[in-house]
Amino acid sequence: AAMEGFPQDEQSREALHTANTYLEMPVHEKTVQIDTALNEVHDSI
């Protein structure tokens, strides 16, 4: 929050606190194939 140029309002500082964090793509041996399928359908939708 003290970095030069970082927003100086209290809300921005508080936004750096997290409660629960979840991985976008969890560990799985088929991650690459799953990601490919998800990307193709996303583009189509």
PDB file of all heavy atoms in Angstrom:
ATOM      1  N   ALA A   1       0.815  -1.216   0.000  1.00  0.00           N
ATOM      2  CA  ALA A   1       0.000   0.000   0.000  1.00  0.00           C
ATOM      3  C   ALA A   1       0.849   1.266   0.000  1.00  0.00           C
ATOM      4  O   ALA A   1       0.366   2.338  -0.400  1.00  0.00           O
ATOM      5  CB  ALA A   1      -0.927   0.000   1.209  1.00  0.00           C
ATOM      6  N   ALA A   2       2.101   1.148   0.436  1.00  0.00           N
ATOM      7  CA  ALA A   2       2.982   2.313   0.501  1.00  0.00           C
ATOM      8  C   ALA A   2       3.739   2.546  -0.797  1.00  0.00           C
ATOM      9  O   ALA A   2       4.479   3.531  -0.914  1.00  0.00           O
ATOM     10  CB  ALA A   2       3.970   2.153   1.657  1.00  0.00           C
ATOM     11  N   MET A   3       3.561   1.667  -1.794  1.00  0.00           N
ATOM     12  CA  MET A   3       4.247   1.862  -3.065  1.00  0.00           C
ATOM     13  C   MET A   3       3.849   3.198  -3.690  1.00  0.00           C
ATOM     14  O   MET A   3       2.670   3.559  -3.679  1.00  0.00           O
ATOM     15  CB  MET A   3       3.896   0.737  -4.048  1.00  0.00           C
ATOM     16  CG  MET A   3       4.519  -0.596  -3.751  1.00  0.00           C
ATOM     17  SD  MET A   3       4.214  -1.785  -5.096  1.00  0.00           S
ATOM     18  CE  MET A   3       2.426  -1.902  -5.059  1.00  0.00           C
ATOM     19  N   GLU A   4       4.809   3.902  -4.226  1.00  0.00           N
ATOM     20  CA  GLU A   4       4.520   5.158  -4.913  1.00  0.00           C
ATOM     21  C   GLU A   4       3.590   4.890  -6.093  1.00  0.00           C
ATOM     22  O   GLU A   4       3.886   4.054  -6.941  1.00  0.00           O
ATOM     23  CB  GLU A   4       5.811   5.804  -5.402  1.00  0.00           C
ATOM     24  CG  GLU A   4       5.594   7.146  -6.082  1.00  0.00           C
ATOM     25  CD  GLU A   4       6.883   7.751  -6.602  1.00  0.00           C
ATOM     26  OE1 GLU A   4       7.962   7.150  -6.388  1.00  0.00           O
ATOM     27  OE2 GLU A   4       6.810   8.819  -7.249  1.00  0.00           O
ATOM     28  N   GLY A   5       2.466   5.553  -6.115  1.00  0.00           N
ATOM     29  CA  GLY A   5       1.508   5.369  -7.192  1.00  0.00           C
ATOM     30  C   GLY A   5       0.356   4.457  -6.842  1.00  0.00           C
ATOM     31  O   GLY A   5      -0.637   4.391  -7.580  1.00  0.00           O
ATOM     32  N   PHE A   6       0.458   3.732  -5.716  1.00  0.00           N
ATOM     33  CA  PHE A   6      -0.661   2.885  -5.297  1.00  0.00           C
ATOM     34  C   PHE A   6      -1.784   3.780  -4.776  1.00  0.00           C
ATOM     35  O   PHE A   6      -1.528   4.775  -4.110  1.00  0.00           O
ATOM     36  CB  PHE A   6      -0.214   1.911  -4.205  1.00  0.00           C
ATOM     37  CG  PHE A   6      -1.282   0.916  -3.806  1.00  0.00           C
ATOM     38  CD1 PHE A   6      -1.449  -0.251  -4.538  1.00  0.00           C
ATOM     39  CD2 PHE A   6      -2.121   1.160  -2.730  1.00  0.00           C
ATOM     40  CE1 PHE A   6      -2.434  -1.167  -4.182  1.00  0.00           C
ATOM     41  CE2 PHE A   6      -3.110   0.263  -2.371  1.00  0.00           C
ATOM     42  CZ  PHE A   6      -3.272  -0.911  -3.103  1.00  0.00           C
ATOM     43  N   PRO A   7      -3.052   3.464  -5.080  1.00  0.00           N
ATOM     44  CA  PRO A   7      -4.164   4.296  -4.597  1.00  0.00           C
ATOM     45  C   PRO A   7      -4.100   4.486  -3.081  1.00  0.00           C
ATOM     46  O   PRO A   7      -3.862   3.523  -2.341  1.00  0.00           O
ATOM     47  CB  PRO A   7      -5.403   3.487  -4.996  1.00  0.00           C
ATOM     48  CG  PRO A   7      -4.960   2.661  -6.156  1.00  0.00           C
ATOM     49  CD  PRO A   7      -3.523   2.322  -5.887  1.00  0.00           C
ATOM     50  N   GLN A   8      -4.324   5.692  -2.643  1.00  0.00           N
ATOM     51  CA  GLN A   8      -4.141   6.011  -1.227  1.00  0.00           C
ATOM     52  C   GLN A   8      -5.423   5.993  -0.402  1.00  0.00           C
ATOM     53  O   GLN A   8      -5.402   6.354   0.774  1.00  0.00           O
ATOM     54  CB  GLN A   8      -3.453   7.371  -1.091  1.00  0.00           C
ATOM     55  CG  GLN A   8      -2.019   7.375  -1.594  1.00  0.00           C
ATOM     56  CD  GLN A   8      -1.176   6.305  -0.910  1.00  0.00           C
ATOM     57  OE1 GLN A   8      -0.962   6.344   0.294  1.00  0.00           O
ATOM     58  NE2 GLN A   8      -0.689   5.341  -1.692  1.00  0.00           N
ATOM     59  N   ASP A   9      -6.531   5.542  -0.989  1.00  0.00           N
ATOM     60  CA  ASP A   9      -7.754   5.423  -0.199  1.00  0.00           C
ATOM     61  C   ASP A   9      -7.712   4.141   0.630  1.00  0.00           C
ATOM     62  O   ASP A   9      -7.070   3.154   0.263  1.00  0.00           O
ATOM     63  CB  ASP A   9      -8.982   5.408  -1.114  1.00  0.00           C
ATOM     64  CG  ASP A   9      -8.963   4.235  -2.079  1.00  0.00           C
ATOM     65  OD1 ASP A   9      -8.020   4.143  -2.887  1.00  0.00           O
ATOM     66  OD2 ASP A   9      -9.878   3.392  -2.012  1.00  0.00           O
ATOM     67  N   GLU A  10      -8.413   4.150   1.750  1.00  0.00           N
ATOM     68  CA  GLU A  10      -8.393   3.016   2.667  1.00  0.00           C
ATOM     69  C   GLU A  10      -9.012   1.771   2.054  1.00  0.00           C
ATOM     70  O   GLU A  10      -8.586   0.645   2.333  1.00  0.00           O
ATOM     71  CB  GLU A  10      -9.130   3.381   3.964  1.00  0.00           C
ATOM     72  CG  GLU A  10      -9.107   2.296   5.024  1.00  0.00           C
ATOM     73  CD  GLU A  10      -7.687   1.896   5.444  1.00  0.00           C
ATOM     74  OE1 GLU A  10      -6.788   2.766   5.398  1.00  0.00           O
ATOM     75  OE2 GLU A  10      -7.497   0.716   5.791  1.00  0.00           O
ATOM     76  N   GLN A  11     -10.007   1.948   1.188  1.00  0.00           N
ATOM     77  CA  GLN A  11     -10.660   0.793   0.596  1.00  0.00           C
ATOM     78  C   GLN A  11      -9.701   0.007  -0.289  1.00  0.00           C
ATOM     79  O   GLN A  11      -9.710  -1.230  -0.288  1.00  0.00           O
ATOM     80  CB  GLN A  11     -11.871   1.215  -0.229  1.00  0.00           C
ATOM     81  CG  GLN A  11     -12.557   0.033  -0.926  1.00  0.00           C
ATOM     82  CD  GLN A  11     -13.846   0.415  -1.600  1.00  0.00           C
ATOM     83  OE1 GLN A  11     -14.884   0.532  -0.966  1.00  0.00           O
ATOM     84  NE2 GLN A  11     -13.782   0.620  -2.911  1.00  0.00           N
ATOM     85  N   SER A  12      -8.866   0.706  -1.050  1.00  0.00           N
ATOM     86  CA  SER A  12      -7.900   0.016  -1.911  1.00  0.00           C
ATOM     87  C   SER A  12      -6.902  -0.770  -1.072  1.00  0.00           C
ATOM     88  O   SER A  12      -6.525  -1.899  -1.422  1.00  0.00           O
ATOM     89  CB  SER A  12      -7.160   1.015  -2.800  1.00  0.00           C
ATOM     90  OG  SER A  12      -8.032   1.598  -3.743  1.00  0.00           O
ATOM     91  N   ARG A  13      -6.476  -0.192   0.039  1.00  0.00           N
ATOM     92  CA  ARG A  13      -5.566  -0.913   0.920  1.00  0.00           C
ATOM     93  C   ARG A  13      -6.244  -2.158   1.472  1.00  0.00           C
ATOM     94  O   ARG A  13      -5.658  -3.240   1.504  1.00  0.00           O
ATOM     95  CB  ARG A  13      -5.112  -0.012   2.065  1.00  0.00           C
ATOM     96  CG  ARG A  13      -4.094  -0.662   2.978  1.00  0.00           C
ATOM     97  CD  ARG A  13      -3.827   0.168   4.228  1.00  0.00           C
ATOM     98  NE  ARG A  13      -2.734  -0.403   4.995  1.00  0.00           N
ATOM     99  CZ  ARG A  13      -2.829  -1.474   5.769  1.00  0.00           C
ATOM    100  NH1 ARG A  13      -3.986  -2.118   5.865  1.00  0.00           N
ATOM    101  NH2 ARG A  13      -1.783  -1.930   6.440  1.00  0.00           N
ATOM    102  N   GLU A  14      -7.480  -2.015   1.909  1.00  0.00           N
ATOM    103  CA  GLU A  14      -8.211  -3.146   2.473  1.00  0.00           C
ATOM    104  C   GLU A  14      -8.455  -4.226   1.430  1.00  0.00           C
ATOM    105  O   GLU A  14      -8.553  -5.417   1.761  1.00  0.00           O
ATOM    106  CB  GLU A  14      -9.541  -2.659   3.052  1.00  0.00           C
ATOM    107  CG  GLU A  14     -10.436  -3.753   3.612  1.00  0.00           C
ATOM    108  CD  GLU A  14      -9.782  -4.554   4.732  1.00  0.00           C
ATOM    109  OE1 GLU A  14      -8.897  -4.013   5.424  1.00  0.00           O
ATOM    110  OE2 GLU A  14     -10.169  -5.729   4.907  1.00  0.00           O
ATOM    111  N   ALA A  15      -8.538  -3.843   0.164  1.00  0.00           N
ATOM    112  CA  ALA A  15      -8.780  -4.811  -0.905  1.00  0.00           C
ATOM    113  C   ALA A  15      -7.626  -5.789  -1.074  1.00  0.00           C
ATOM    114  O   ALA A  15      -7.779  -6.836  -1.712  1.00  0.00           O
ATOM    115  CB  ALA A  15      -9.037  -4.081  -2.227  1.00  0.00           C
ATOM    116  N   LEU A  16      -6.469  -5.468  -0.502  1.00  0.00           N
ATOM    117  CA  LEU A  16      -5.327  -6.367  -0.563  1.00  0.00           C
ATOM    118  C   LEU A  16      -5.459  -7.542   0.401  1.00  0.00           C
ATOM    119  O   LEU A  16      -4.696  -8.506   0.319  1.00  0.00           O
ATOM    120  CB  LEU A  16      -4.033  -5.608  -0.267  1.00  0.00           C
ATOM    121  CG  LEU A  16      -3.641  -4.527  -1.285  1.00  0.00           C
ATOM    122  CD1 LEU A  16      -2.438  -3.742  -0.794  1.00  0.00           C
ATOM    123  CD2 LEU A  16      -3.345  -5.157  -2.644  1.00  0.00           C
ATOM    124  N   HIS A  17      -6.407  -7.455   1.314  1.00  0.00           N
ATOM    125  CA  HIS A  17      -6.676  -8.571   2.223  1.00  0.00           C
ATOM    126  C   HIS A  17      -7.643  -9.546   1.541  1.00  0.00           C
ATOM    127  O   HIS A  17      -8.628  -9.127   0.940  1.00  0.00           O
ATOM    128  CB  HIS A  17      -7.308  -8.082   3.528  1.00  0.00           C
ATOM    129  CG  HIS A  17      -6.380  -7.309   4.408  1.00  0.00           C
ATOM    130  ND1 HIS A  17      -6.188  -5.950   4.277  1.00  0.00           N
ATOM    131  CD2 HIS A  17      -5.583  -7.716   5.427  1.00  0.00           C
ATOM    132  CE1 HIS A  17      -5.316  -5.545   5.194  1.00  0.00           C
ATOM    133  NE2 HIS A  17      -4.935  -6.589   5.909  1.00  0.00           N
ATOM    134  N   THR A  18      -7.350 -10.818   1.641  1.00  0.00           N
ATOM    135  CA  THR A  18      -8.241 -11.839   1.093  1.00  0.00           C
ATOM    136  C   THR A  18      -8.775 -12.711   2.224  1.00  0.00           C
ATOM    137  O   THR A  18      -8.118 -12.884   3.262  1.00  0.00           O
ATOM    138  CB  THR A  18      -7.521 -12.729   0.072  1.00  0.00           C
ATOM    139  OG1 THR A  18      -6.390 -13.350   0.703  1.00  0.00           O
ATOM    140  CG2 THR A  18      -7.036 -11.907  -1.111  1.00  0.00           C
ATOM    141  N   ALA A  19      -9.969 -13.253   2.011  1.00  0.00           N
ATOM    142  CA  ALA A  19     -10.564 -14.157   2.999  1.00  0.00           C
ATOM    143  C   ALA A  19     -10.355 -15.610   2.594  1.00  0.00           C
ATOM    144  O   ALA A  19      -9.857 -16.430   3.368  1.00  0.00           O
ATOM    145  CB  ALA A  19     -12.059 -13.851   3.152  1.00  0.00           C
ATOM    146  N   ASN A  20     -10.749 -15.929   1.368  1.00  0.00           N
ATOM    147  CA  ASN A  20     -10.575 -17.276   0.822  1.00  0.00           C
ATOM    148  C   ASN A  20     -10.052 -17.149  -0.599  1.00  0.00           C
ATOM    149  O   ASN A  20     -10.556 -16.335  -1.375  1.00  0.00           O
ATOM    150  CB  ASN A  20     -11.910 -18.033   0.798  1.00  0.00           C
ATOM    151  CG  ASN A  20     -12.555 -18.111   2.161  1.00  0.00           C
ATOM    152  OD1 ASN A  20     -12.063 -18.797   3.053  1.00  0.00           O
ATOM    153  ND2 ASN A  20     -13.665 -17.401   2.345  1.00  0.00           N
ATOM    154  N   THR A  21      -9.050 -17.922  -0.927  1.00  0.00           N
ATOM    155  CA  THR A  21      -8.499 -17.873  -2.281  1.00  0.00           C
ATOM    156  C   THR A  21      -8.574 -19.260  -2.904  1.00  0.00           C
ATOM    157  O   THR A  21      -8.181 -20.251  -2.280  1.00  0.00           O
ATOM    158  CB  THR A  21      -7.032 -17.399  -2.273  1.00  0.00           C
ATOM    159  OG1 THR A  21      -6.289 -18.152  -1.312  1.00  0.00           O
ATOM    160  CG2 THR A  21      -6.946 -15.926  -1.928  1.00  0.00           C
ATOM    161  N   TYR A  22      -9.074 -19.303  -4.130  1.00  0.00           N
ATOM    162  CA  TYR A  22      -9.244 -20.571  -4.839  1.00  0.00           C
ATOM    163  C   TYR A  22      -8.471 -20.522  -6.147  1.00  0.00           C
ATOM    164  O   TYR A  22      -8.501 -19.509  -6.860  1.00  0.00           O
ATOM    165  CB  TYR A  22     -10.728 -20.827  -5.115  1.00  0.00           C
ATOM    166  CG  TYR A  22     -11.578 -20.803  -3.871  1.00  0.00           C
ATOM    167  CD1 TYR A  22     -12.419 -19.714  -3.600  1.00  0.00           C
ATOM    168  CD2 TYR A  22     -11.540 -21.847  -2.949  1.00  0.00           C
ATOM    169  CE1 TYR A  22     -13.198 -19.676  -2.451  1.00  0.00           C
ATOM    170  CE2 TYR A  22     -12.313 -21.822  -1.803  1.00  0.00           C
ATOM    171  CZ  TYR A  22     -13.140 -20.736  -1.553  1.00  0.00           C
ATOM    172  OH  TYR A  22     -13.896 -20.713  -0.410  1.00  0.00           O
ATOM    173  N   LEU A  23      -7.788 -21.603  -6.444  1.00  0.00           N
ATOM    174  CA  LEU A  23      -7.022 -21.660  -7.689  1.00  0.00           C
ATOM    175  C   LEU A  23      -7.956 -21.664  -8.894  1.00  0.00           C
ATOM    176  O   LEU A  23      -8.974 -22.352  -8.898  1.00  0.00           O
ATOM    177  CB  LEU A  23      -6.158 -22.906  -7.725  1.00  0.00           C
ATOM    178  CG  LEU A  23      -4.923 -22.911  -6.822  1.00  0.00           C
ATOM    179  CD1 LEU A  23      -4.177 -24.230  -6.978  1.00  0.00           C
ATOM    180  CD2 LEU A  23      -4.011 -21.740  -7.121  1.00  0.00           C
ATOM    181  N   GLU A  24      -7.569 -20.891  -9.905  1.00  0.00           N
ATOM    182  CA  GLU A  24      -8.342 -20.865 -11.147  1.00  0.00           C
ATOM    183  C   GLU A  24      -8.406 -22.261 -11.770  1.00  0.00           C
ATOM    184  O   GLU A  24      -9.445 -22.697 -12.249  1.00  0.00           O
ATOM    185  CB  GLU A  24      -7.687 -19.889 -12.129  1.00  0.00           C
ATOM    186  CG  GLU A  24      -8.314 -19.891 -13.499  1.00  0.00           C
ATOM    187  CD  GLU A  24      -7.539 -19.059 -14.488  1.00  0.00           C
ATOM    188  OE1 GLU A  24      -6.791 -18.156 -14.063  1.00  0.00           O
ATOM    189  OE2 GLU A  24      -7.687 -19.312 -15.695  1.00  0.00           O
ATOM    190  N   MET A  25      -7.288 -22.963 -11.752  1.00  0.00           N
ATOM    191  CA  MET A  25      -7.234 -24.314 -12.291  1.00  0.00           C
ATOM    192  C   MET A  25      -6.494 -25.195 -11.291  1.00  0.00           C
ATOM    193  O   MET A  25      -5.275 -25.127 -11.182  1.00  0.00           O
ATOM    194  CB  MET A  25      -6.525 -24.336 -13.640  1.00  0.00           C
ATOM    195  CG  MET A  25      -6.461 -25.705 -14.287  1.00  0.00           C
ATOM    196  SD  MET A  25      -8.056 -26.360 -14.796  1.00  0.00           S
ATOM    197  CE  MET A  25      -8.309 -25.462 -16.335  1.00  0.00           C
ATOM    198  N   PRO A  26      -7.204 -26.008 -10.525  1.00  0.00           N
ATOM    199  CA  PRO A  26      -6.551 -26.851  -9.524  1.00  0.00           C
ATOM    200  C   PRO A  26      -5.635 -27.893 -10.163  1.00  0.00           C
ATOM    201  O   PRO A  26      -5.671 -28.134 -11.372  1.00  0.00           O
ATOM    202  CB  PRO A  26      -7.733 -27.533  -8.815  1.00  0.00           C
ATOM    203  CG  PRO A  26      -8.933 -26.723  -9.171  1.00  0.00           C
ATOM    204  CD  PRO A  26      -8.652 -26.152 -10.524  1.00  0.00           C
ATOM    205  N   VAL A  27      -4.840 -28.512  -9.332  1.00  0.00           N
ATOM    206  CA  VAL A  27      -3.924 -29.546  -9.794  1.00  0.00           C
ATOM    207  C   VAL A  27      -4.703 -30.749 -10.325  1.00  0.00           C
ATOM    208  O   VAL A  27      -5.585 -31.274  -9.665  1.00  0.00           O
ATOM    209  CB  VAL A  27      -3.004 -30.000  -8.643  1.00  0.00           C
ATOM    210  CG1 VAL A  27      -2.121 -31.153  -9.096  1.00  0.00           C
ATOM    211  CG2 VAL A  27      -2.151 -28.845  -8.158  1.00  0.00           C
ATOM    212  N   HIS A  28      -4.381 -31.153 -11.532  1.00  0.00           N
ATOM    213  CA  HIS A  28      -5.010 -32.325 -12.127  1.00  0.00           C
ATOM    214  C   HIS A  28      -4.156 -32.778 -13.299  1.00  0.00           C
ATOM    215  O   HIS A  28      -3.601 -31.961 -14.043  1.00  0.00           O
ATOM    216  CB  HIS A  28      -6.425 -32.007 -12.615  1.00  0.00           C
ATOM    217  CG  HIS A  28      -7.245 -33.227 -12.900  1.00  0.00           C
ATOM    218  ND1 HIS A  28      -7.087 -33.988 -14.023  1.00  0.00           N
ATOM    219  CD2 HIS A  28      -8.228 -33.831 -12.180  1.00  0.00           C
ATOM    220  CE1 HIS A  28      -7.932 -35.003 -14.008  1.00  0.00           C
ATOM    221  NE2 HIS A  28      -8.641 -34.926 -12.889  1.00  0.00           N
ATOM    222  N   GLU A  29      -4.027 -34.090 -13.487  1.00  0.00           N
ATOM    223  CA  GLU A  29      -3.177 -34.597 -14.559  1.00  0.00           C
ATOM    224  C   GLU A  29      -3.711 -34.284 -15.951  1.00  0.00           C
ATOM    225  O   GLU A  29      -2.968 -34.342 -16.935  1.00  0.00           O
ATOM    226  CB  GLU A  29      -2.987 -36.108 -14.399  1.00  0.00           C
ATOM    227  CG  GLU A  29      -4.261 -36.918 -14.506  1.00  0.00           C
ATOM    228  CD  GLU A  29      -4.009 -38.403 -14.339  1.00  0.00           C
ATOM    229  OE1 GLU A  29      -2.836 -38.785 -14.177  1.00  0.00           O
ATOM    230  OE2 GLU A  29      -4.969 -39.177 -14.370  1.00  0.00           O
ATOM    231  N   LYS A  30      -5.007 -33.953 -16.062  1.00  0.00           N
ATOM    232  CA  LYS A  30      -5.605 -33.649 -17.375  1.00  0.00           C
ATOM    233  C   LYS A  30      -5.833 -32.139 -17.561  1.00  0.00           C
ATOM    234  O   LYS A  30      -6.652 -31.725 -18.370  1.00  0.00           O
ATOM    235  CB  LYS A  30      -6.943 -34.382 -17.523  1.00  0.00           C
ATOM    236  CG  LYS A  30      -6.840 -35.901 -17.454  1.00  0.00           C
ATOM    237  CD  LYS A  30      -6.125 -36.452 -18.671  1.00  0.00           C
ATOM    238  CE  LYS A  30      -6.023 -37.979 -18.621  1.00  0.00           C
ATOM    239  NZ  LYS A  30      -7.311 -38.646 -18.647  1.00  0.00           N
ATOM    240  N   THR A  31      -5.089 -31.340 -16.801  1.00  0.00           N
ATOM    241  CA  THR A  31      -5.300 -29.886 -16.830  1.00  0.00           C
ATOM    242  C   THR A  31      -5.217 -29.310 -18.239  1.00  0.00           C
ATOM    243  O   THR A  31      -6.059 -28.504 -18.642  1.00  0.00           O
ATOM    244  CB  THR A  31      -4.262 -29.183 -15.927  1.00  0.00           C
ATOM    245  OG1 THR A  31      -4.484 -29.570 -14.574  1.00  0.00           O
ATOM    246  CG2 THR A  31      -4.379 -27.675 -16.028  1.00  0.00           C
ATOM    247  N   VAL A  32      -4.215 -29.696 -18.997  1.00  0.00           N
ATOM    248  CA  VAL A  32      -4.002 -29.109 -20.325  1.00  0.00           C
ATOM    249  C   VAL A  32      -5.171 -29.433 -21.253  1.00  0.00           C
ATOM    250  O   VAL A  32      -5.698 -28.554 -21.946  1.00  0.00           O
ATOM    251  CB  VAL A  32      -2.682 -29.626 -20.929  1.00  0.00           C
ATOM    252  CG1 VAL A  32      -2.531 -29.129 -22.359  1.00  0.00           C
ATOM    253  CG2 VAL A  32      -1.490 -29.167 -20.086  1.00  0.00           C
ATOM    254  N   GLN A  33      -5.622 -30.687 -21.263  1.00  0.00           N
ATOM    255  CA  GLN A  33      -6.736 -31.078 -22.134  1.00  0.00           C
ATOM    256  C   GLN A  33      -8.039 -30.398 -21.717  1.00  0.00           C
ATOM    257  O   GLN A  33      -8.824 -29.960 -22.572  1.00  0.00           O
ATOM    258  CB  GLN A  33      -6.925 -32.599 -22.094  1.00  0.00           C
ATOM    259  CG  GLN A  33      -5.730 -33.395 -22.603  1.00  0.00           C
ATOM    260  CD  GLN A  33      -4.804 -33.837 -21.490  1.00  0.00           C
ATOM    261  OE1 GLN A  33      -4.451 -33.060 -20.606  1.00  0.00           O
ATOM    262  NE2 GLN A  33      -4.413 -35.111 -21.542  1.00  0.00           N
ATOM    263  N   ILE A  34      -8.258 -30.304 -20.413  1.00  0.00           N
ATOM    264  CA  ILE A  34      -9.468 -29.645 -19.918  1.00  0.00           C
ATOM    265  C   ILE A  34      -9.471 -28.167 -20.304  1.00  0.00           C
ATOM    266  O   ILE A  34     -10.492 -27.619 -20.743  1.00  0.00           O
ATOM    267  CB  ILE A  34      -9.580 -29.811 -18.390  1.00  0.00           C
ATOM    268  CG1 ILE A  34      -9.829 -31.279 -18.031  1.00  0.00           C
ATOM    269  CG2 ILE A  34     -10.704 -28.940 -17.822  1.00  0.00           C
ATOM    270  CD1 ILE A  34      -9.738 -31.581 -16.549  1.00  0.00           C
ATOM    271  N   ASP A  35      -8.322 -27.525 -20.144  1.00  0.00           N
ATOM    272  CA  ASP A  35      -8.212 -26.107 -20.481  1.00  0.00           C
ATOM    273  C   ASP A  35      -8.508 -25.867 -21.961  1.00  0.00           C
ATOM    274  O   ASP A  35      -9.183 -24.895 -22.324  1.00  0.00           O
ATOM    275  CB  ASP A  35      -6.813 -25.610 -20.133  1.00  0.00           C
ATOM    276  CG  ASP A  35      -6.662 -24.112 -20.309  1.00  0.00           C
ATOM    277  OD1 ASP A  35      -7.464 -23.368 -19.710  1.00  0.00           O
ATOM    278  OD2 ASP A  35      -5.755 -23.679 -21.042  1.00  0.00           O
ATOM    279  N   THR A  36      -8.051 -26.754 -22.822  1.00  0.00           N
ATOM    280  CA  THR A  36      -8.306 -26.626 -24.256  1.00  0.00           C
ATOM    281  C   THR A  36      -9.804 -26.704 -24.546  1.00  0.00           C
ATOM    282  O   THR A  36     -10.351 -25.893 -25.313  1.00  0.00           O
ATOM    283  CB  THR A  36      -7.569 -27.731 -25.032  1.00  0.00           C
ATOM    284  OG1 THR A  36      -6.157 -27.578 -24.827  1.00  0.00           O
ATOM    285  CG2 THR A  36      -7.871 -27.642 -26.519  1.00  0.00           C
ATOM    286  N   ALA A  37     -10.474 -27.667 -23.933  1.00  0.00           N
ATOM    287  CA  ALA A  37     -11.916 -27.819 -24.146  1.00  0.00           C
ATOM    288  C   ALA A  37     -12.683 -26.608 -23.626  1.00  0.00           C
ATOM    289  O   ALA A  37     -13.617 -26.113 -24.283  1.00  0.00           O
ATOM    290  CB  ALA A  37     -12.407 -29.089 -23.456  1.00  0.00           C
ATOM    291  N   LEU A  38     -12.300 -26.094 -22.484  1.00  0.00           N
ATOM    292  CA  LEU A  38     -12.962 -24.924 -21.907  1.00  0.00           C
ATOM    293  C   LEU A  38     -12.791 -23.696 -22.793  1.00  0.00           C
ATOM    294  O   LEU A  38     -13.732 -22.914 -22.991  1.00  0.00           O
ATOM    295  CB  LEU A  38     -12.407 -24.642 -20.508  1.00  0.00           C
ATOM    296  CG  LEU A  38     -12.745 -25.652 -19.414  1.00  0.00           C
ATOM    297  CD1 LEU A  38     -11.923 -25.374 -18.165  1.00  0.00           C
ATOM    298  CD2 LEU A  38     -14.239 -25.600 -19.079  1.00  0.00           C
ATOM    299  N   ASN A  39     -11.610 -23.511 -23.333  1.00  0.00           N
ATOM    300  CA  ASN A  39     -11.346 -22.358 -24.203  1.00  0.00           C
ATOM    301  C   ASN A  39     -12.186 -22.401 -25.473  1.00  0.00           C
ATOM    302  O   ASN A  39     -12.720 -21.374 -25.915  1.00  0.00           O
ATOM    303  CB  ASN A  39      -9.858 -22.301 -24.560  1.00  0.00           C
ATOM    304  CG  ASN A  39      -9.017 -21.674 -23.467  1.00  0.00           C
ATOM    305  OD1 ASN A  39      -9.408 -20.694 -22.859  1.00  0.00           O
ATOM    306  ND2 ASN A  39      -7.856 -22.247 -23.226  1.00  0.00           N
ATOM    307  N   GLU A  40     -12.293 -23.578 -26.054  1.00  0.00           N
ATOM    308  CA  GLU A  40     -13.057 -23.705 -27.300  1.00  0.00           C
ATOM    309  C   GLU A  40     -14.529 -23.379 -27.074  1.00  0.00           C
ATOM    310  O   GLU A  40     -15.153 -22.656 -27.877  1.00  0.00           O
ATOM    311  CB  GLU A  40     -12.902 -25.119 -27.846  1.00  0.00           C
ATOM    312  CG  GLU A  40     -11.512 -25.410 -28.387  1.00  0.00           C
ATOM    313  CD  GLU A  40     -11.352 -26.852 -28.834  1.00  0.00           C
ATOM    314  OE1 GLU A  40     -12.309 -27.639 -28.625  1.00  0.00           O
ATOM    315  OE2 GLU A  40     -10.286 -27.193 -29.394  1.00  0.00           O
ATOM    316  N   VAL A  41     -15.094 -23.892 -26.004  1.00  0.00           N
ATOM    317  CA  VAL A  41     -16.514 -23.643 -25.733  1.00  0.00           C
ATOM    318  C   VAL A  41     -16.735 -22.189 -25.324  1.00  0.00           C
ATOM    319  O   VAL A  41     -17.735 -21.569 -25.729  1.00  0.00           O
ATOM    320  CB  VAL A  41     -17.028 -24.604 -24.648  1.00  0.00           C
ATOM    321  CG1 VAL A  41     -18.433 -24.201 -24.189  1.00  0.00           C
ATOM    322  CG2 VAL A  41     -17.050 -26.035 -25.180  1.00  0.00           C
ATOM    323  N   HIS A  42     -15.822 -21.623 -24.580  1.00  0.00           N
ATOM    324  CA  HIS A  42     -15.945 -20.207 -24.198  1.00  0.00           C
ATOM    325  C   HIS A  42     -16.036 -19.324 -25.437  1.00  0.00           C
ATOM    326  O   HIS A  42     -16.910 -18.443 -25.525  1.00  0.00           O
ATOM    327  CB  HIS A  42     -14.752 -19.788 -23.349  1.00  0.00           C
ATOM    328  CG  HIS A  42     -14.700 -18.324 -23.053  1.00  0.00           C
ATOM    329  ND1 HIS A  42     -15.575 -17.706 -22.193  1.00  0.00           N
ATOM    330  CD2 HIS A  42     -13.880 -17.333 -23.531  1.00  0.00           C
ATOM    331  CE1 HIS A  42     -15.296 -16.405 -22.129  1.00  0.00           C
ATOM    332  NE2 HIS A  42     -14.279 -16.160 -22.941  1.00  0.00           N
ATOM    333  N   ASP A  43     -15.164 -19.561 -26.385  1.00  0.00           N
ATOM    334  CA  ASP A  43     -15.167 -18.763 -27.609  1.00  0.00           C
ATOM    335  C   ASP A  43     -16.485 -18.932 -28.365  1.00  0.00           C
ATOM    336  O   ASP A  43     -17.048 -17.957 -28.882  1.00  0.00           O
ATOM    337  CB  ASP A  43     -13.993 -19.183 -28.489  1.00  0.00           C
ATOM    338  CG  ASP A  43     -13.756 -18.221 -29.634  1.00  0.00           C
ATOM    339  OD1 ASP A  43     -13.320 -17.082 -29.372  1.00  0.00           O
ATOM    340  OD2 ASP A  43     -14.005 -18.608 -30.783  1.00  0.00           O
ATOM    341  N   SER A  44     -16.998 -20.144 -28.405  1.00  0.00           N
ATOM    342  CA  SER A  44     -18.251 -20.406 -29.116  1.00  0.00           C
ATOM    343  C   SER A  44     -19.433 -19.713 -28.438  1.00  0.00           C
ATOM    344  O   SER A  44     -20.300 -19.143 -29.106  1.00  0.00           O
ATOM    345  CB  SER A  44     -18.507 -21.916 -29.192  1.00  0.00           C
ATOM    346  OG  SER A  44     -17.509 -22.563 -29.953  1.00  0.00           O
ATOM    347  N   ILE A  45     -19.455 -19.738 -27.105  1.00  0.00           N
ATOM    348  CA  ILE A  45     -20.550 -19.085 -26.379  1.00  0.00           C
ATOM    349  C   ILE A  45     -20.492 -17.576 -26.546  1.00  0.00           C
ATOM    350  O   ILE A  45     -21.491 -16.916 -26.852  1.00  0.00           O
ATOM    351  CB  ILE A  45     -20.517 -19.454 -24.879  1.00  0.00           C
ATOM    352  CG1 ILE A  45     -20.866 -20.934 -24.680  1.00  0.00           C
ATOM    353  CG2 ILE A  45     -21.468 -18.575 -24.087  1.00  0.00           C
ATOM    354  CD1 ILE A  45     -20.737 -21.402 -23.240  1.00  0.00           C
TER     355      ILE A  45
END
